[in-house]
Amino acid sequence: MKCLLVFAFSAAINFANAQTLCVELTEVGANKNHKYFIDLDSFELRNDLLEGEAITDRKSGQYLMSDGAISYRGNKIFEANEFLYESNVNGIDVLVVRDEYNSFSSPLKLLSALAGHPVQTSKIWILSVQSGKIENKLLLAKEDSSYQWQVKMSSANKGVK
């Protein structure tokens, strides 16, 4: 019985600390909006949630961008070219970053690159980081010729859209 109570108490604590994030991603040039609900513990996408309180973009100064990578205390932890968002949620650092590269994934893109006009592709990632170690990562978007992105983040509430 005592073991069952300890299990129930620890499950209640874990449930109370669970957080779902609402990430609103906007590709500025195309004026495309994407909205994702992400469970912070499992890093899986969720549905049927409502946007809640805004989460402030707070740069901690612990993460630096140089030479096409994010570094934490001098150690490279992820390839990216731009920070789009950084905050701390329930003790977990949450970063949204853009990684840009030349794409050769189709014959047209390869011909374009050979002609001197490579097609640049942006990948937008959300990362959860603890103590400089990436715990989870999720690809949110992948778009050709997209250079400006905006991110808004908020908590998510249970409900029906």
Protein backbone atom coordinates (compact mmCIF):
# COMPACT_ATOMS: atom_id res chain seq x y z
CA MET A 1 0.00 0.00 0.00
CA LYS A 2 2.85 2.37 0.89
CA CYS A 3 4.53 1.66 -2.47
CA LEU A 4 1.27 2.45 -4.29
CA LEU A 5 0.97 5.80 -2.48
CA VAL A 6 4.55 6.74 -3.41
CA PHE A 7 3.87 5.87 -7.06
CA ALA A 8 0.62 7.88 -7.11
CA PHE A 9 2.35 10.88 -5.48
CA SER A 10 5.25 10.84 -7.96
CA ALA A 11 2.83 10.53 -10.90
CA ALA A 12 0.86 13.52 -9.59
CA ILE A 13 4.06 15.57 -9.32
CA ASN A 14 5.08 14.65 -12.88
CA PHE A 15 1.61 15.53 -14.18
CA ALA A 16 1.67 18.86 -12.36
CA ASN A 17 5.02 19.72 -13.96
CA ALA A 18 3.93 18.67 -17.45
CA GLN A 19 3.73 21.58 -19.85
CA THR A 20 2.44 21.87 -23.38
CA LEU A 21 3.75 24.70 -25.51
CA CYS A 22 2.00 26.50 -28.31
CA VAL A 23 4.53 27.58 -30.93
CA GLU A 24 3.31 29.98 -33.60
CA LEU A 25 5.76 30.11 -36.49
CA THR A 26 5.44 32.72 -39.25
CA GLU A 27 7.38 32.70 -42.50
CA VAL A 28 7.51 36.46 -43.12
CA GLY A 29 8.14 36.55 -46.90
CA ALA A 30 5.29 34.19 -47.77
CA ASN A 31 3.12 35.31 -44.82
CA LYS A 32 2.54 31.65 -43.91
CA ASN A 33 1.52 30.84 -40.34
CA HIS A 34 1.99 27.48 -38.66
CA LYS A 35 0.82 26.60 -35.16
CA TYR A 36 2.17 23.64 -33.21
CA PHE A 37 1.23 22.28 -29.80
CA ILE A 38 4.19 20.41 -28.33
CA ASP A 39 4.25 18.36 -25.15
CA LEU A 40 7.43 19.46 -23.37
CA ASP A 41 8.02 16.06 -21.73
CA SER A 42 7.60 13.78 -24.75
CA PHE A 43 8.26 16.40 -27.47
CA GLU A 44 5.32 15.05 -29.43
CA LEU A 45 2.76 17.16 -31.27
CA ARG A 46 -0.64 17.49 -29.59
CA ASN A 47 -4.10 18.41 -30.90
CA ASP A 48 -7.29 19.96 -29.53
CA LEU A 49 -5.56 22.56 -27.38
CA LEU A 50 -6.00 26.28 -26.98
CA GLU A 51 -3.36 28.95 -26.81
CA GLY A 52 -2.70 30.19 -23.27
CA GLU A 53 -0.41 32.70 -21.58
CA ALA A 54 2.50 34.11 -23.59
CA ILE A 55 6.01 32.91 -22.74
CA THR A 56 8.60 35.66 -22.98
CA ASP A 57 11.58 35.37 -25.31
CA ARG A 58 14.51 35.61 -22.88
CA LYS A 59 18.07 35.27 -24.06
CA SER A 60 20.08 33.71 -21.24
CA GLY A 61 23.48 34.44 -22.75
CA GLN A 62 24.49 30.81 -22.24
CA TYR A 63 24.05 29.90 -25.90
CA LEU A 64 26.16 31.46 -28.63
CA MET A 65 25.85 31.25 -32.40
CA SER A 66 29.09 31.04 -34.37
CA ASP A 67 30.43 29.20 -37.40
CA GLY A 68 27.01 27.76 -38.24
CA ALA A 69 26.47 26.15 -34.84
CA ILE A 70 25.04 26.79 -31.41
CA SER A 71 27.53 26.40 -28.62
CA TYR A 72 27.09 26.09 -24.87
CA ARG A 73 30.13 26.99 -22.77
CA GLY A 74 32.41 26.54 -25.77
CA ASN A 75 30.97 23.17 -26.88
CA LYS A 76 29.04 22.96 -30.16
CA ILE A 77 25.69 21.32 -29.56
CA PHE A 78 23.64 21.85 -32.76
CA GLU A 79 24.12 23.12 -36.32
CA ALA A 80 22.10 26.28 -36.95
CA ASN A 81 22.49 29.77 -38.40
CA GLU A 82 20.03 31.86 -36.40
CA PHE A 83 18.30 31.98 -33.03
CA LEU A 84 14.60 32.65 -33.45
CA TYR A 85 13.55 32.18 -29.84
CA GLU A 86 14.93 31.20 -26.44
CA SER A 87 13.22 30.76 -23.09
CA ASN A 88 13.26 28.61 -19.98
CA VAL A 89 10.10 26.61 -19.25
CA ASN A 90 9.89 24.52 -16.07
CA GLY A 91 13.69 24.45 -15.82
CA ILE A 92 14.18 23.37 -19.44
CA ASP A 93 15.80 25.68 -21.98
CA VAL A 94 13.66 25.82 -25.11
CA LEU A 95 15.32 27.09 -28.29
CA VAL A 96 13.81 27.64 -31.73
CA VAL A 97 16.52 27.90 -34.38
CA ARG A 98 16.88 28.17 -38.15
CA ASP A 99 19.38 26.07 -40.06
CA GLU A 100 20.02 27.24 -43.64
CA TYR A 101 21.80 25.15 -46.25
CA ASN A 102 22.08 24.77 -50.03
CA SER A 103 19.73 22.06 -51.21
CA PHE A 104 20.57 19.65 -54.03
CA SER A 105 17.63 17.33 -53.38
CA SER A 106 16.10 17.45 -56.86
CA PRO A 107 17.43 17.65 -60.43
CA LEU A 108 16.13 21.22 -60.76
CA LYS A 109 17.91 22.30 -57.56
CA LEU A 110 21.12 20.60 -58.73
CA LEU A 111 20.95 22.35 -62.12
CA SER A 112 20.29 25.65 -60.38
CA ALA A 113 23.35 25.14 -58.17
CA LEU A 114 25.53 24.25 -61.19
CA ALA A 115 24.36 27.48 -62.84
CA GLY A 116 25.57 29.39 -59.79
CA HIS A 117 22.21 29.92 -58.10
CA PRO A 118 21.87 27.30 -55.37
CA VAL A 119 18.48 26.93 -53.70
CA GLN A 120 18.78 27.72 -50.03
CA THR A 121 16.53 25.80 -47.68
CA SER A 122 15.63 26.69 -44.13
CA LYS A 123 14.84 24.13 -41.47
CA ILE A 124 13.19 25.38 -38.31
CA TRP A 125 13.89 23.27 -35.22
CA ILE A 126 12.67 23.40 -31.66
CA LEU A 127 15.11 22.03 -29.10
CA SER A 128 14.90 21.27 -25.41
CA VAL A 129 18.26 21.62 -23.68
CA GLN A 130 19.34 20.80 -20.14
CA SER A 131 22.84 21.52 -18.87
CA GLY A 132 24.11 22.06 -22.41
CA LYS A 133 22.82 18.69 -23.65
CA ILE A 134 20.04 18.45 -26.24
CA GLU A 135 17.30 16.31 -24.71
CA ASN A 136 14.80 16.56 -27.58
CA LYS A 137 14.56 18.07 -31.03
CA LEU A 138 11.65 18.41 -33.43
CA LEU A 139 11.64 19.67 -37.02
CA LEU A 140 8.81 22.20 -37.32
CA ALA A 141 9.23 23.45 -40.89
CA LYS A 142 11.37 23.04 -43.99
CA GLU A 143 11.02 25.66 -46.72
CA ASP A 144 13.02 26.64 -49.80
CA SER A 145 14.04 30.28 -50.25
CA SER A 146 12.70 31.39 -46.88
CA TYR A 147 14.90 33.73 -44.90
CA GLN A 148 12.83 35.56 -42.29
CA TRP A 149 10.88 33.80 -39.57
CA GLN A 150 9.11 35.00 -36.45
CA VAL A 151 8.20 32.93 -33.41
CA LYS A 152 5.66 33.45 -30.65
CA MET A 153 5.42 30.97 -27.83
CA SER A 154 2.76 30.48 -25.18
CA SER A 155 1.53 27.84 -22.83
CA ALA A 156 -1.29 25.65 -24.10
CA ASN A 157 -4.52 24.80 -22.33
CA LYS A 158 -6.79 21.82 -22.70
CA GLY A 159 -9.90 22.55 -24.67
CA VAL A 160 -11.43 22.34 -28.08
CA LYS A 161 -10.23 24.56 -30.89
